[in-house]
């Protein structure tokens, strides 16, 4: 993978991190330690952590969580990462953005289990009730989870494609297929699949944030703004929604005050958002050109 500066992450790296200088960063951090915290009891052994390098797409590090929520990864290249908390089957339950370098002694992740969902997690749409997934589709879905857990998004996507071919109304399969395509930087497919999942199962904050992420990478920034705002209408506590919306708004000086409000909310539970917030505050305070 080339180390040259990628175009706007395609967009999110440039937007989320505002104006980070892009350079051929090769500094290696010998050991990266982290802790996952939760306000409610959690069996951390049921989860894993992934770090995906935002400048070297496809470079992903994995770690198992210990019983106390601690994890460690070795020989990580310094830079900006997307951190994903997943189940052992590869289902993504939370995404954050973190910085890895020798000056960050530990990565703190706040597992947001205490938020009240906007709808019951077991809610199923009428479409899903009328078209339950076929047994073979469920088998492909389970196979995809195993491939995702082993860090093989291509094979996971192939199994999920089988699942939706067999059962075209299998919303969870479309959602996970979109995530696998995003991992492979296939954003047109990801956006289409996430929209299909929303059409079947209805919108929620997670699906809308993922859709916004894909739209940003496609350069469809106005659509991403709409998706991020819709996510926050459904879940006003969505830190990812606040981060995405705040980062989008920070690209325009006129909307910097609103951007800062959202970034402040994101920074409450996402330590990596604090750097983004600081840059937005500095941009607001900078003198305007004549």
C-alpha atoms as a PDB file:
ATOM      1  CA  UNK A   1       0.000   0.000   0.000  1.00  0.00           C
ATOM      2  CA  UNK A   2       1.350   3.360  -0.984  1.00  0.00           C
ATOM      3  CA  UNK A   3       2.294   5.819   1.747  1.00  0.00           C
ATOM      4  CA  UNK A   4       1.410   8.880  -0.288  1.00  0.00           C
ATOM      5  CA  UNK A   5      -1.291  11.135   1.087  1.00  0.00           C
ATOM      6  CA  UNK A   6      -4.681   9.588   0.238  1.00  0.00           C
ATOM      7  CA  UNK A   7      -7.525  11.718  -1.013  1.00  0.00           C
ATOM      8  CA  UNK A   8     -10.099  12.521   1.672  1.00  0.00           C
ATOM      9  CA  UNK A   9     -10.380   9.059   3.162  1.00  0.00           C
ATOM     10  CA  UNK A  10     -11.434   8.976   0.770  1.00  0.00           C
ATOM     11  CA  UNK A  11     -13.072  11.720   2.946  1.00  0.00           C
ATOM     12  CA  UNK A  12     -13.471  10.897   6.586  1.00  0.00           C
ATOM     13  CA  UNK A  13      -9.810  11.074   7.548  1.00  0.00           C
ATOM     14  CA  UNK A  14      -9.562  14.573   6.156  1.00  0.00           C
ATOM     15  CA  UNK A  15     -12.866  15.639   7.672  1.00  0.00           C
ATOM     16  CA  UNK A  16     -12.693  13.913  11.025  1.00  0.00           C
ATOM     17  CA  UNK A  17      -9.156  15.018  11.572  1.00  0.00           C
ATOM     18  CA  UNK A  18      -9.686  18.379   9.838  1.00  0.00           C
ATOM     19  CA  UNK A  19      -6.259  19.198   8.408  1.00  0.00           C
ATOM     20  CA  UNK A  20      -3.780  16.581   9.518  1.00  0.00           C
ATOM     21  CA  UNK A  21      -0.495  16.741   7.614  1.00  0.00           C
ATOM     22  CA  UNK A  22      -0.081  13.549   5.661  1.00  0.00           C
ATOM     23  CA  UNK A  23       3.402  12.107   5.608  1.00  0.00           C
ATOM     24  CA  UNK A  24       5.110   8.791   5.182  1.00  0.00           C
ATOM     25  CA  UNK A  25       4.918   7.898   8.861  1.00  0.00           C
ATOM     26  CA  UNK A  26       6.971   4.833   9.699  1.00  0.00           C
ATOM     27  CA  UNK A  27       7.481   5.279  13.462  1.00  0.00           C
ATOM     28  CA  UNK A  28       6.700   2.045  15.227  1.00  0.00           C
ATOM     29  CA  UNK A  29       5.236   1.879  18.708  1.00  0.00           C
ATOM     30  CA  UNK A  30       6.592  -1.304  20.347  1.00  0.00           C
ATOM     31  CA  UNK A  31       3.571  -1.850  22.574  1.00  0.00           C
ATOM     32  CA  UNK A  32       0.106  -0.303  22.632  1.00  0.00           C
ATOM     33  CA  UNK A  33      -1.998  -0.933  25.729  1.00  0.00           C
ATOM     34  CA  UNK A  34      -5.639  -0.162  26.210  1.00  0.00           C
ATOM     35  CA  UNK A  35      -8.519  -0.500  28.606  1.00  0.00           C
ATOM     36  CA  UNK A  36     -12.224  -0.868  27.904  1.00  0.00           C
ATOM     37  CA  UNK A  37     -14.398   0.691  30.607  1.00  0.00           C
ATOM     38  CA  UNK A  38     -18.095   0.207  31.260  1.00  0.00           C
ATOM     39  CA  UNK A  39     -20.569   1.596  33.778  1.00  0.00           C
ATOM     40  CA  UNK A  40     -22.411  -1.715  33.788  1.00  0.00           C
ATOM     41  CA  UNK A  41     -21.119  -5.290  34.272  1.00  0.00           C
ATOM     42  CA  UNK A  42     -19.715  -6.685  31.024  1.00  0.00           C
ATOM     43  CA  UNK A  43     -18.043  -9.997  30.255  1.00  0.00           C
ATOM     44  CA  UNK A  44     -15.154  -8.498  28.308  1.00  0.00           C
ATOM     45  CA  UNK A  45     -13.961 -11.942  27.215  1.00  0.00           C
ATOM     46  CA  UNK A  46     -16.896 -11.915  24.776  1.00  0.00           C
ATOM     47  CA  UNK A  47     -15.321  -9.054  22.791  1.00  0.00           C
ATOM     48  CA  UNK A  48     -12.287  -8.245  20.674  1.00  0.00           C
ATOM     49  CA  UNK A  49     -10.595  -5.024  19.600  1.00  0.00           C
ATOM     50  CA  UNK A  50      -9.542  -4.110  16.052  1.00  0.00           C
ATOM     51  CA  UNK A  51      -7.386  -1.172  15.004  1.00  0.00           C
ATOM     52  CA  UNK A  52      -7.511  -0.223  11.315  1.00  0.00           C
ATOM     53  CA  UNK A  53      -4.887   2.207  10.030  1.00  0.00           C
ATOM     54  CA  UNK A  54      -6.683   5.082   8.295  1.00  0.00           C
ATOM     55  CA  UNK A  55      -3.668   5.915   6.123  1.00  0.00           C
ATOM     56  CA  UNK A  56      -2.785   2.349   5.176  1.00  0.00           C
ATOM     57  CA  UNK A  57      -6.123   0.854   4.252  1.00  0.00           C
ATOM     58  CA  UNK A  58      -6.413  -2.844   4.951  1.00  0.00           C
ATOM     59  CA  UNK A  59      -3.779  -2.861   7.707  1.00  0.00           C
ATOM     60  CA  UNK A  60      -5.707  -4.160  10.725  1.00  0.00           C
ATOM     61  CA  UNK A  61      -4.451  -5.198  14.160  1.00  0.00           C
ATOM     62  CA  UNK A  62      -6.422  -7.491  16.471  1.00  0.00           C
ATOM     63  CA  UNK A  63      -6.392  -8.156  20.219  1.00  0.00           C
ATOM     64  CA  UNK A  64      -8.473 -10.222  22.608  1.00  0.00           C
ATOM     65  CA  UNK A  65      -9.872  -8.490  25.679  1.00  0.00           C
ATOM     66  CA  UNK A  66      -8.862  -9.795  29.084  1.00  0.00           C
ATOM     67  CA  UNK A  67     -11.445 -10.295  31.803  1.00  0.00           C
ATOM     68  CA  UNK A  68     -10.682  -6.841  33.234  1.00  0.00           C
ATOM     69  CA  UNK A  69     -11.133  -5.162  29.836  1.00  0.00           C
ATOM     70  CA  UNK A  70      -7.420  -4.644  29.174  1.00  0.00           C
ATOM     71  CA  UNK A  71      -5.741  -5.422  25.847  1.00  0.00           C
ATOM     72  CA  UNK A  72      -2.318  -5.058  24.257  1.00  0.00           C
ATOM     73  CA  UNK A  73      -0.998  -4.911  20.700  1.00  0.00           C
ATOM     74  CA  UNK A  74       2.644  -4.946  19.694  1.00  0.00           C
ATOM     75  CA  UNK A  75       4.626  -3.281  16.904  1.00  0.00           C
ATOM     76  CA  UNK A  76       1.975  -0.807  15.736  1.00  0.00           C
ATOM     77  CA  UNK A  77       2.810   1.953  13.267  1.00  0.00           C
ATOM     78  CA  UNK A  78       2.129   5.387  14.763  1.00  0.00           C
ATOM     79  CA  UNK A  79      -0.845   7.157  13.219  1.00  0.00           C
ATOM     80  CA  UNK A  80      -4.612   7.606  13.185  1.00  0.00           C
ATOM     81  CA  UNK A  81      -6.798   4.521  13.557  1.00  0.00           C
ATOM     82  CA  UNK A  82     -10.397   3.442  13.582  1.00  0.00           C
ATOM     83  CA  UNK A  83     -10.953   1.306  16.664  1.00  0.00           C
ATOM     84  CA  UNK A  84     -13.707  -1.277  16.477  1.00  0.00           C
ATOM     85  CA  UNK A  85     -15.090  -3.240  19.394  1.00  0.00           C
ATOM     86  CA  UNK A  86     -16.515  -6.492  18.033  1.00  0.00           C
ATOM     87  CA  UNK A  87     -18.084  -9.658  19.298  1.00  0.00           C
ATOM     88  CA  UNK A  88     -16.100 -12.881  18.957  1.00  0.00           C
ATOM     89  CA  UNK A  89     -18.173 -13.532  15.817  1.00  0.00           C
ATOM     90  CA  UNK A  90     -17.033 -10.289  14.215  1.00  0.00           C
ATOM     91  CA  UNK A  91     -20.160  -8.165  14.707  1.00  0.00           C
ATOM     92  CA  UNK A  92     -19.192  -4.518  15.213  1.00  0.00           C
ATOM     93  CA  UNK A  93     -20.807  -3.095  18.365  1.00  0.00           C
ATOM     94  CA  UNK A  94     -18.887   0.179  18.623  1.00  0.00           C
ATOM     95  CA  UNK A  95     -16.499   2.300  16.552  1.00  0.00           C
ATOM     96  CA  UNK A  96     -14.194   5.077  17.737  1.00  0.00           C
ATOM     97  CA  UNK A  97     -11.244   7.002  16.322  1.00  0.00           C
ATOM     98  CA  UNK A  98      -7.918   6.925  18.174  1.00  0.00           C
ATOM     99  CA  UNK A  99      -4.369   8.180  17.813  1.00  0.00           C
ATOM    100  CA  UNK A 100      -1.459   5.790  18.330  1.00  0.00           C
ATOM    101  CA  UNK A 101       1.964   7.160  19.168  1.00  0.00           C
ATOM    102  CA  UNK A 102       4.639   6.944  21.845  1.00  0.00           C
ATOM    103  CA  UNK A 103       3.106   9.915  23.692  1.00  0.00           C
ATOM    104  CA  UNK A 104      -0.192   8.093  24.297  1.00  0.00           C
ATOM    105  CA  UNK A 105       0.560   5.661  27.136  1.00  0.00           C
ATOM    106  CA  UNK A 106      -2.830   3.945  27.054  1.00  0.00           C
ATOM    107  CA  UNK A 107      -5.956   3.909  24.895  1.00  0.00           C
ATOM    108  CA  UNK A 108      -9.135   4.275  26.927  1.00  0.00           C
ATOM    109  CA  UNK A 109     -12.351   2.998  25.387  1.00  0.00           C
ATOM    110  CA  UNK A 110     -15.719   3.641  27.000  1.00  0.00           C
ATOM    111  CA  UNK A 111     -18.137   0.828  26.221  1.00  0.00           C
ATOM    112  CA  UNK A 112     -21.441   2.618  25.762  1.00  0.00           C
ATOM    113  CA  UNK A 113     -23.749  -0.088  27.112  1.00  0.00           C
ATOM    114  CA  UNK A 114     -25.567   2.279  29.446  1.00  0.00           C
ATOM    115  CA  UNK A 115     -27.266   4.347  26.747  1.00  0.00           C
ATOM    116  CA  UNK A 116     -30.985   3.875  26.441  1.00  0.00           C
ATOM    117  CA  UNK A 117     -31.828   2.567  22.976  1.00  0.00           C
ATOM    118  CA  UNK A 118     -34.308   4.565  20.969  1.00  0.00           C
ATOM    119  CA  UNK A 119     -36.197   1.381  20.220  1.00  0.00           C
ATOM    120  CA  UNK A 120     -36.113  -2.089  21.654  1.00  0.00           C
ATOM    121  CA  UNK A 121     -33.051  -3.949  20.305  1.00  0.00           C
ATOM    122  CA  UNK A 122     -35.217  -6.911  19.383  1.00  0.00           C
ATOM    123  CA  UNK A 123     -37.641  -4.905  17.265  1.00  0.00           C
ATOM    124  CA  UNK A 124     -38.252  -6.549  13.899  1.00  0.00           C
ATOM    125  CA  UNK A 125     -39.914  -4.832  10.932  1.00  0.00           C
ATOM    126  CA  UNK A 126     -43.045  -6.171   9.243  1.00  0.00           C
ATOM    127  CA  UNK A 127     -40.921  -7.000   6.188  1.00  0.00           C
ATOM    128  CA  UNK A 128     -38.590  -9.114   8.296  1.00  0.00           C
ATOM    129  CA  UNK A 129     -41.503 -10.903   9.981  1.00  0.00           C
ATOM    130  CA  UNK A 130     -43.013 -11.743   6.611  1.00  0.00           C
ATOM    131  CA  UNK A 131     -39.691 -12.915   5.150  1.00  0.00           C
ATOM    132  CA  UNK A 132     -37.609 -14.677   7.819  1.00  0.00           C
ATOM    133  CA  UNK A 133     -34.162 -15.757   6.590  1.00  0.00           C
ATOM    134  CA  UNK A 134     -33.788 -19.230   5.147  1.00  0.00           C
ATOM    135  CA  UNK A 135     -31.765 -21.800   7.096  1.00  0.00           C
ATOM    136  CA  UNK A 136     -29.033 -21.788   4.434  1.00  0.00           C
ATOM    137  CA  UNK A 137     -28.856 -18.000   4.595  1.00  0.00           C
ATOM    138  CA  UNK A 138     -28.341 -18.199   8.362  1.00  0.00           C
ATOM    139  CA  UNK A 139     -25.580 -20.747   7.825  1.00  0.00           C
ATOM    140  CA  UNK A 140     -23.826 -18.384   5.400  1.00  0.00           C
ATOM    141  CA  UNK A 141     -24.299 -15.539   7.887  1.00  0.00           C
ATOM    142  CA  UNK A 142     -22.632 -17.616  10.618  1.00  0.00           C
ATOM    143  CA  UNK A 143     -19.765 -18.521   8.277  1.00  0.00           C
ATOM    144  CA  UNK A 144     -19.310 -14.832   7.479  1.00  0.00           C
ATOM    145  CA  UNK A 145     -19.044 -14.034  11.200  1.00  0.00           C
ATOM    146  CA  UNK A 146     -16.221 -16.552  11.527  1.00  0.00           C
ATOM    147  CA  UNK A 147     -14.348 -15.072   8.566  1.00  0.00           C
ATOM    148  CA  UNK A 148     -14.856 -11.548   9.930  1.00  0.00           C
ATOM    149  CA  UNK A 149     -13.529 -12.599  13.335  1.00  0.00           C
ATOM    150  CA  UNK A 150     -10.397 -14.035  11.679  1.00  0.00           C
ATOM    151  CA  UNK A 151      -9.762 -10.773   9.800  1.00  0.00           C
ATOM    152  CA  UNK A 152     -10.838 -11.943   6.348  1.00  0.00           C
ATOM    153  CA  UNK A 153     -13.448  -9.406   5.115  1.00  0.00           C
ATOM    154  CA  UNK A 154     -13.345 -10.672   1.527  1.00  0.00           C
ATOM    155  CA  UNK A 155     -14.503 -14.168   2.435  1.00  0.00           C
ATOM    156  CA  UNK A 156     -16.949 -12.723   4.962  1.00  0.00           C
ATOM    157  CA  UNK A 157     -18.455 -10.547   2.217  1.00  0.00           C
ATOM    158  CA  UNK A 158     -18.747 -13.545  -0.111  1.00  0.00           C
ATOM    159  CA  UNK A 159     -20.708 -15.504   2.501  1.00  0.00           C
ATOM    160  CA  UNK A 160     -22.943 -12.526   3.262  1.00  0.00           C
ATOM    161  CA  UNK A 161     -23.614 -12.112  -0.448  1.00  0.00           C
ATOM    162  CA  UNK A 162     -24.775 -15.728  -0.492  1.00  0.00           C
ATOM    163  CA  UNK A 163     -27.030 -14.996   2.484  1.00  0.00           C
ATOM    164  CA  UNK A 164     -28.797 -12.039   0.840  1.00  0.00           C
ATOM    165  CA  UNK A 165     -29.091 -13.907  -2.451  1.00  0.00           C
ATOM    166  CA  UNK A 166     -30.897 -16.720  -0.662  1.00  0.00           C
ATOM    167  CA  UNK A 167     -32.917 -14.364   1.585  1.00  0.00           C
ATOM    168  CA  UNK A 168     -33.201 -10.895  -0.014  1.00  0.00           C
ATOM    169  CA  UNK A 169     -34.945  -9.417   3.094  1.00  0.00           C
ATOM    170  CA  UNK A 170     -32.160 -10.441   5.541  1.00  0.00           C
ATOM    171  CA  UNK A 171     -31.443  -6.963   6.974  1.00  0.00           C
ATOM    172  CA  UNK A 172     -28.650  -7.975   9.362  1.00  0.00           C
ATOM    173  CA  UNK A 173     -26.804  -9.642   6.500  1.00  0.00           C
ATOM    174  CA  UNK A 174     -26.985  -6.420   4.455  1.00  0.00           C
ATOM    175  CA  UNK A 175     -25.742  -4.412   7.454  1.00  0.00           C
ATOM    176  CA  UNK A 176     -22.765  -6.693   7.991  1.00  0.00           C
ATOM    177  CA  UNK A 177     -22.081  -6.882   4.256  1.00  0.00           C
ATOM    178  CA  UNK A 178     -21.857  -3.081   4.181  1.00  0.00           C
ATOM    179  CA  UNK A 179     -19.358  -3.154   7.055  1.00  0.00           C
ATOM    180  CA  UNK A 180     -17.172  -5.710   5.270  1.00  0.00           C
ATOM    181  CA  UNK A 181     -17.192  -3.602   2.098  1.00  0.00           C
ATOM    182  CA  UNK A 182     -16.189  -0.543   4.110  1.00  0.00           C
ATOM    183  CA  UNK A 183     -13.274  -2.506   5.511  1.00  0.00           C
ATOM    184  CA  UNK A 184     -12.205  -3.173   1.925  1.00  0.00           C
ATOM    185  CA  UNK A 185     -12.758   0.486   0.904  1.00  0.00           C
ATOM    186  CA  UNK A 186     -15.650  -0.461  -1.380  1.00  0.00           C
ATOM    187  CA  UNK A 187     -17.825   2.480  -0.450  1.00  0.00           C
ATOM    188  CA  UNK A 188     -20.368   2.507  -3.338  1.00  0.00           C
ATOM    189  CA  UNK A 189     -21.367  -1.050  -2.444  1.00  0.00           C
ATOM    190  CA  UNK A 190     -21.342  -0.239   1.268  1.00  0.00           C
ATOM    191  CA  UNK A 191     -23.693   2.705   0.858  1.00  0.00           C
ATOM    192  CA  UNK A 192     -26.082   0.707  -1.306  1.00  0.00           C
ATOM    193  CA  UNK A 193     -26.170  -2.215   1.135  1.00  0.00           C
ATOM    194  CA  UNK A 194     -26.647  -0.002   4.187  1.00  0.00           C
ATOM    195  CA  UNK A 195     -29.538   1.764   2.457  1.00  0.00           C
ATOM    196  CA  UNK A 196     -31.047  -1.637   1.690  1.00  0.00           C
ATOM    197  CA  UNK A 197     -30.737  -2.650   5.365  1.00  0.00           C
ATOM    198  CA  UNK A 198     -32.457   0.598   6.405  1.00  0.00           C
ATOM    199  CA  UNK A 199     -35.240   0.036   3.870  1.00  0.00           C
ATOM    200  CA  UNK A 200     -35.901  -3.425   5.320  1.00  0.00           C
ATOM    201  CA  UNK A 201     -35.345  -2.953   9.062  1.00  0.00           C
ATOM    202  CA  UNK A 202     -35.772   0.790   9.441  1.00  0.00           C
ATOM    203  CA  UNK A 203     -33.177   3.372  10.485  1.00  0.00           C
ATOM    204  CA  UNK A 204     -31.220   3.413  13.711  1.00  0.00           C
ATOM    205  CA  UNK A 205     -28.246   5.498  14.794  1.00  0.00           C
ATOM    206  CA  UNK A 206     -25.653   2.820  14.006  1.00  0.00           C
ATOM    207  CA  UNK A 207     -26.903   2.189  10.472  1.00  0.00           C
ATOM    208  CA  UNK A 208     -27.205   5.896   9.735  1.00  0.00           C
ATOM    209  CA  UNK A 209     -23.697   6.624  11.051  1.00  0.00           C
ATOM    210  CA  UNK A 210     -22.295   3.845   8.894  1.00  0.00           C
ATOM    211  CA  UNK A 211     -24.222   5.208   5.921  1.00  0.00           C
ATOM    212  CA  UNK A 212     -22.826   8.689   6.608  1.00  0.00           C
ATOM    213  CA  UNK A 213     -19.309   7.236   6.764  1.00  0.00           C
ATOM    214  CA  UNK A 214     -19.760   5.629   3.337  1.00  0.00           C
ATOM    215  CA  UNK A 215     -21.294   8.801   1.892  1.00  0.00           C
ATOM    216  CA  UNK A 216     -18.361  10.887   3.132  1.00  0.00           C
ATOM    217  CA  UNK A 217     -15.928   8.563   1.442  1.00  0.00           C
ATOM    218  CA  UNK A 218     -17.928   8.945  -1.774  1.00  0.00           C
ATOM    219  CA  UNK A 219     -17.751  12.741  -1.546  1.00  0.00           C
ATOM    220  CA  UNK A 220     -21.512  13.004  -0.944  1.00  0.00           C
ATOM    221  CA  UNK A 221     -21.097  15.382   1.978  1.00  0.00           C
ATOM    222  CA  UNK A 222     -24.586  16.904   1.963  1.00  0.00           C
ATOM    223  CA  UNK A 223     -26.107  13.439   2.083  1.00  0.00           C
ATOM    224  CA  UNK A 224     -23.741  12.545   4.923  1.00  0.00           C
ATOM    225  CA  UNK A 225     -24.919  15.619   6.845  1.00  0.00           C
ATOM    226  CA  UNK A 226     -28.531  14.487   6.448  1.00  0.00           C
ATOM    227  CA  UNK A 227     -27.662  10.948   7.609  1.00  0.00           C
ATOM    228  CA  UNK A 228     -25.675  12.161  10.635  1.00  0.00           C
ATOM    229  CA  UNK A 229     -28.447  14.533  11.715  1.00  0.00           C
ATOM    230  CA  UNK A 230     -31.006  11.745  11.347  1.00  0.00           C
ATOM    231  CA  UNK A 231     -28.820   9.468  13.513  1.00  0.00           C
ATOM    232  CA  UNK A 232     -28.766  12.064  16.270  1.00  0.00           C
ATOM    233  CA  UNK A 233     -32.531  12.560  16.075  1.00  0.00           C
ATOM    234  CA  UNK A 234     -32.888   8.849  16.811  1.00  0.00           C
ATOM    235  CA  UNK A 235     -30.158   8.742  19.459  1.00  0.00           C
ATOM    236  CA  UNK A 236     -29.018  12.100  20.803  1.00  0.00           C
ATOM    237  CA  UNK A 237     -26.275  10.333  22.816  1.00  0.00           C
ATOM    238  CA  UNK A 238     -24.587   8.759  19.796  1.00  0.00           C
ATOM    239  CA  UNK A 239     -20.952   9.818  20.183  1.00  0.00           C
ATOM    240  CA  UNK A 240     -20.153   8.587  16.692  1.00  0.00           C
ATOM    241  CA  UNK A 241     -23.016  10.652  15.315  1.00  0.00           C
ATOM    242  CA  UNK A 242     -21.763  13.770  17.109  1.00  0.00           C
ATOM    243  CA  UNK A 243     -18.215  13.148  15.862  1.00  0.00           C
ATOM    244  CA  UNK A 244     -19.250  12.667  12.247  1.00  0.00           C
ATOM    245  CA  UNK A 245     -21.617  15.637  12.215  1.00  0.00           C
ATOM    246  CA  UNK A 246     -19.186  17.877  14.082  1.00  0.00           C
ATOM    247  CA  UNK A 247     -16.366  16.969  11.746  1.00  0.00           C
ATOM    248  CA  UNK A 248     -18.477  17.702   8.682  1.00  0.00           C
ATOM    249  CA  UNK A 249     -19.605  21.059  10.054  1.00  0.00           C
ATOM    250  CA  UNK A 250     -16.022  21.969  10.984  1.00  0.00           C
ATOM    251  CA  UNK A 251     -15.182  22.180   7.291  1.00  0.00           C
ATOM    252  CA  UNK A 252     -17.063  25.494   7.058  1.00  0.00           C
ATOM    253  CA  UNK A 253     -16.142  28.456   9.261  1.00  0.00           C
ATOM    254  CA  UNK A 254     -19.782  29.570   9.419  1.00  0.00           C
ATOM    255  CA  UNK A 255     -20.796  26.270  11.049  1.00  0.00           C
ATOM    256  CA  UNK A 256     -17.776  25.975  13.357  1.00  0.00           C
ATOM    257  CA  UNK A 257     -19.740  26.966  16.504  1.00  0.00           C
ATOM    258  CA  UNK A 258     -22.262  24.178  15.906  1.00  0.00           C
ATOM    259  CA  UNK A 259     -19.420  21.800  15.028  1.00  0.00           C
ATOM    260  CA  UNK A 260     -17.731  22.508  18.349  1.00  0.00           C
ATOM    261  CA  UNK A 261     -20.952  21.759  20.251  1.00  0.00           C
ATOM    262  CA  UNK A 262     -21.142  18.317  18.644  1.00  0.00           C
ATOM    263  CA  UNK A 263     -17.431  17.622  19.056  1.00  0.00           C
ATOM    264  CA  UNK A 264     -17.681  18.499  22.746  1.00  0.00           C
ATOM    265  CA  UNK A 265     -20.399  15.872  23.106  1.00  0.00           C
ATOM    266  CA  UNK A 266     -18.294  13.308  21.261  1.00  0.00           C
ATOM    267  CA  UNK A 267     -15.221  14.108  23.373  1.00  0.00           C
ATOM    268  CA  UNK A 268     -17.125  13.218  26.552  1.00  0.00           C
ATOM    269  CA  UNK A 269     -16.775   9.509  25.756  1.00  0.00           C
ATOM    270  CA  UNK A 270     -14.305   9.421  22.837  1.00  0.00           C
ATOM    271  CA  UNK A 271     -10.817  10.565  23.872  1.00  0.00           C
ATOM    272  CA  UNK A 272      -9.724  10.748  20.234  1.00  0.00           C
ATOM    273  CA  UNK A 273     -12.401  13.391  19.561  1.00  0.00           C
ATOM    274  CA  UNK A 274     -10.605  15.818  21.846  1.00  0.00           C
ATOM    275  CA  UNK A 275      -7.873  16.496  19.293  1.00  0.00           C
ATOM    276  CA  UNK A 276     -10.512  17.143  16.635  1.00  0.00           C
ATOM    277  CA  UNK A 277     -12.310  19.489  19.026  1.00  0.00           C
ATOM    278  CA  UNK A 278      -9.107  21.379  19.785  1.00  0.00           C
ATOM    279  CA  UNK A 279      -8.401  21.923  16.087  1.00  0.00           C
ATOM    280  CA  UNK A 280     -11.942  23.180  15.522  1.00  0.00           C
ATOM    281  CA  UNK A 281     -11.607  25.595  18.466  1.00  0.00           C
ATOM    282  CA  UNK A 282      -8.302  26.874  17.119  1.00  0.00           C
ATOM    283  CA  UNK A 283      -9.842  27.355  13.683  1.00  0.00           C
ATOM    284  CA  UNK A 284     -12.675  29.392  15.200  1.00  0.00           C
ATOM    285  CA  UNK A 285     -10.224  31.624  17.070  1.00  0.00           C
ATOM    286  CA  UNK A 286      -7.924  32.168  14.076  1.00  0.00           C
ATOM    287  CA  UNK A 287      -8.182  35.599  12.445  1.00  0.00           C
ATOM    288  CA  UNK A 288     -10.257  35.709   9.302  1.00  0.00           C
ATOM    289  CA  UNK A 289      -8.458  36.594   6.055  1.00  0.00           C
ATOM    290  CA  UNK A 290      -9.207  40.066   4.706  1.00  0.00           C
END
